[in-house]
Protein backbone atom coordinates (compact mmCIF):
# COMPACT_ATOMS: atom_id res chain seq x y z
CA UNK A 1 124.61 263.15 -24.47
CA UNK A 2 125.36 266.84 -23.99
CA UNK A 3 128.56 268.31 -22.58
CA UNK A 4 127.06 269.06 -19.19
CA UNK A 5 126.15 265.40 -18.73
CA UNK A 6 129.70 264.35 -19.70
CA UNK A 7 131.25 266.82 -17.27
CA UNK A 8 128.95 265.57 -14.51
CA UNK A 9 129.87 261.94 -15.24
CA UNK A 10 133.60 262.69 -15.27
CA UNK A 11 133.31 264.70 -12.04
CA UNK A 12 131.47 261.85 -10.35
CA UNK A 13 134.18 259.43 -11.45
CA UNK A 14 137.03 261.65 -10.25
CA UNK A 15 135.46 262.55 -6.89
CA UNK A 16 136.08 259.18 -5.16
CA UNK A 17 139.66 259.11 -6.44
CA UNK A 18 140.33 262.55 -4.97
CA UNK A 19 138.56 261.57 -1.73
CA UNK A 20 140.71 258.48 -1.31
CA UNK A 21 143.88 260.40 -2.22
CA UNK A 22 143.21 263.10 0.38
CA UNK A 23 142.62 260.57 3.15
CA UNK A 24 145.46 262.05 5.24
CA UNK A 25 148.18 259.43 4.94
CA UNK A 26 151.70 260.62 5.54
CA UNK A 27 154.45 260.09 3.02
CA UNK A 28 156.00 256.70 3.70
CA UNK A 29 159.30 255.05 2.82
CA UNK A 30 161.36 258.21 3.14
CA UNK A 31 165.12 257.93 2.67
CA UNK A 32 167.26 259.33 5.50
CA UNK A 33 171.08 259.45 5.70
CA UNK A 34 173.81 259.89 8.27
CA UNK A 35 177.56 259.37 8.11
CA UNK A 36 177.45 257.52 4.76
CA UNK A 37 174.61 255.19 5.79
CA UNK A 38 171.22 255.45 4.04
CA UNK A 39 168.05 254.02 5.56
CA UNK A 40 164.48 253.55 4.35
CA UNK A 41 161.85 252.90 7.04
CA UNK A 42 158.82 250.73 6.30
CA UNK A 43 155.94 250.61 8.80
CA UNK A 44 153.40 247.78 8.97
CA UNK A 45 150.48 247.69 8.96
CA UNK A 46 149.91 250.00 5.98
CA UNK A 47 152.24 252.79 7.11
CA UNK A 48 149.63 253.68 9.75
CA UNK A 49 150.72 252.65 13.25
CA UNK A 50 148.03 252.44 15.91
CA UNK A 51 148.69 253.05 19.61
CA UNK A 52 148.78 249.98 21.89
CA UNK A 53 148.97 247.58 18.92
CA UNK A 54 152.11 245.82 17.64
CA UNK A 55 153.77 247.63 14.75
CA UNK A 56 156.54 246.13 12.63
CA UNK A 57 159.32 248.55 11.71
CA UNK A 58 161.56 247.39 8.87
CA UNK A 59 164.77 249.26 8.11
CA UNK A 60 166.50 248.82 4.74
CA UNK A 61 170.09 250.00 5.12
CA UNK A 62 172.85 250.69 2.62
CA UNK A 63 176.12 252.58 2.39
CA UNK A 64 178.12 254.23 -0.33
CA UNK A 65 180.33 251.16 -0.82
CA UNK A 66 177.31 248.88 -1.27
CA UNK A 67 178.44 246.23 1.19
CA UNK A 68 176.35 247.14 4.24
CA UNK A 69 175.96 244.35 6.82
CA UNK A 70 173.80 244.81 9.91
CA UNK A 71 175.93 242.21 11.73
CA UNK A 72 178.70 244.85 11.91
CA UNK A 73 176.54 246.96 14.26
CA UNK A 74 174.64 246.89 17.50
CA UNK A 75 171.46 248.53 16.22
CA UNK A 76 168.64 249.84 18.37
CA UNK A 77 165.52 251.88 17.81
CA UNK A 78 164.14 254.37 20.33
CA UNK A 79 160.64 255.79 20.41
CA UNK A 80 160.77 259.39 21.61
CA UNK A 81 157.84 261.66 22.39
CA UNK A 82 158.17 265.14 23.90
CA UNK A 83 161.98 264.71 24.04
CA UNK A 84 161.66 261.65 26.29
CA UNK A 85 162.50 258.07 25.34
CA UNK A 86 159.43 255.96 26.02
CA UNK A 87 160.61 252.63 24.56
CA UNK A 88 163.81 251.05 23.23
CA UNK A 89 164.10 247.93 21.07
CA UNK A 90 166.93 245.91 19.52
CA UNK A 91 166.99 245.61 15.74
CA UNK A 92 167.00 242.01 14.56
CA UNK A 93 168.60 241.19 11.19
CA UNK A 94 166.34 239.63 8.58
CA UNK A 95 167.51 236.10 7.66
CA UNK A 96 168.89 236.08 4.12
CA UNK A 97 168.96 239.89 3.90
CA UNK A 98 172.11 241.19 5.61
CA UNK A 99 171.17 244.87 5.16
CA UNK A 100 167.57 244.65 6.45
CA UNK A 101 166.59 244.82 10.11
CA UNK A 102 163.27 244.58 11.94
CA UNK A 103 161.75 245.46 15.28
CA UNK A 104 158.20 244.86 16.45
CA UNK A 105 157.30 247.81 18.63
CA UNK A 106 154.26 249.04 20.54
CA UNK A 107 153.59 252.75 20.74
CA UNK A 108 152.04 253.48 24.14
CA UNK A 109 149.68 256.29 23.05
CA UNK A 110 148.66 258.31 20.03
CA UNK A 111 151.16 261.11 19.41
CA UNK A 112 153.85 262.24 17.00
CA UNK A 113 156.92 260.16 17.80
CA UNK A 114 160.50 260.47 16.76
CA UNK A 115 161.75 257.04 15.72
CA UNK A 116 165.53 257.03 16.21
CA UNK A 117 167.63 254.25 14.69
CA UNK A 118 171.16 254.09 16.10
CA UNK A 119 173.94 251.88 14.80
CA UNK A 120 177.02 251.51 17.00
CA UNK A 121 179.89 249.71 15.26
CA UNK A 122 180.79 246.23 16.51
CA UNK A 123 183.41 245.84 13.77
CA UNK A 124 186.35 248.05 12.84
CA UNK A 125 186.11 250.46 9.93
CA UNK A 126 182.35 251.08 9.94
CA UNK A 127 180.84 254.44 10.94
CA UNK A 128 178.36 255.09 13.71
CA UNK A 129 175.01 256.42 12.48
CA UNK A 130 171.88 257.98 13.94
CA UNK A 131 168.76 258.24 11.75
CA UNK A 132 165.60 260.04 12.87
CA UNK A 133 162.08 259.82 11.48
CA UNK A 134 158.93 261.62 12.63
CA UNK A 135 155.98 259.21 12.81
CA UNK A 136 152.36 259.98 13.64
CA UNK A 137 150.66 257.26 15.66
CA UNK A 138 146.90 257.30 15.85
CA UNK A 139 144.52 255.91 18.41
CA UNK A 140 142.26 252.94 17.65
CA UNK A 141 139.35 255.33 16.94
CA UNK A 142 141.27 257.19 14.24
CA UNK A 143 142.27 253.91 12.58
CA UNK A 144 138.65 252.80 12.38
CA UNK A 145 137.70 256.23 10.98
CA UNK A 146 140.31 255.79 8.22
CA UNK A 147 138.86 252.36 7.41
CA UNK A 148 135.38 253.89 7.34
CA UNK A 149 136.59 256.65 4.97
CA UNK A 150 138.12 254.01 2.69
CA UNK A 151 134.84 252.09 2.65
CA UNK A 152 133.01 255.32 1.87
CA UNK A 153 135.36 255.97 -1.08
CA UNK A 154 134.73 252.45 -2.41
CA UNK A 155 130.96 252.89 -2.15
CA UNK A 156 131.11 256.24 -3.93
CA UNK A 157 133.25 254.67 -6.68
CA UNK A 158 130.74 251.86 -7.18
CA UNK A 159 127.85 254.34 -7.26
CA UNK A 160 129.72 256.50 -9.80
CA UNK A 161 130.39 253.53 -12.05
CA UNK A 162 126.72 252.56 -11.78
CA UNK A 163 125.70 256.06 -12.81
CA UNK A 164 128.07 255.97 -15.77
CA UNK A 165 126.67 252.57 -16.82
CA UNK A 166 123.15 253.97 -16.57
CA UNK A 167 124.07 256.95 -18.78
CA UNK A 168 125.79 254.68 -21.32
CA UNK A 169 122.80 252.32 -21.39
CA UNK A 170 120.39 255.18 -21.97
CA UNK A 171 122.55 256.44 -24.85
CA UNK A 172 122.69 253.00 -26.45
CA UNK A 173 118.92 252.65 -26.22
CA UNK A 174 118.49 256.10 -27.75
CA UNK A 175 120.81 255.10 -30.61
CA UNK A 176 123.49 257.69 -29.74
CA UNK A 177 127.23 257.26 -29.64
CA UNK A 178 129.35 257.46 -26.50
CA UNK A 179 131.12 260.66 -27.56
CA UNK A 180 129.47 264.06 -27.61
CA UNK A 181 128.67 265.45 -31.02
CA UNK A 182 131.19 267.93 -32.43
CA UNK A 183 129.75 271.39 -32.87
């Protein structure tokens, strides 16, 4: 097989990977800190919240001493859009994980929200903290478009692998090796 054919085959294999990678997902699981408290936010489902559907927010908290306990705080999360609080939820500790808290929230509409986690001390000697995250929430249509794009990437991958198998089969039948000849 000549070099042009190899380049074409490699390009066809890399195209679906690049398509899936550029699907527009935001960076998830970002670490934020305030007043000695560090927090990582996890968003379910798939770091892609959809308006009007329940979304689970999980906060993993720690501090510089390593002994963070959510029970030492009254923790709440606010959903803010256009500098106005649209919803407020209490953070519930996760059983068996004293430094992990959850809230199931519903974003009213598609927009870019500011998710604000606030911890007010309920015990002496722990600092108050306020952590803010920007979070893009899409409408149901955008979520289905993302699923459609993922399906498209899968189909392109399968077609590319089929093409590569066809090229390999034709080379085997012609008695050639898989690698191009050195010139």
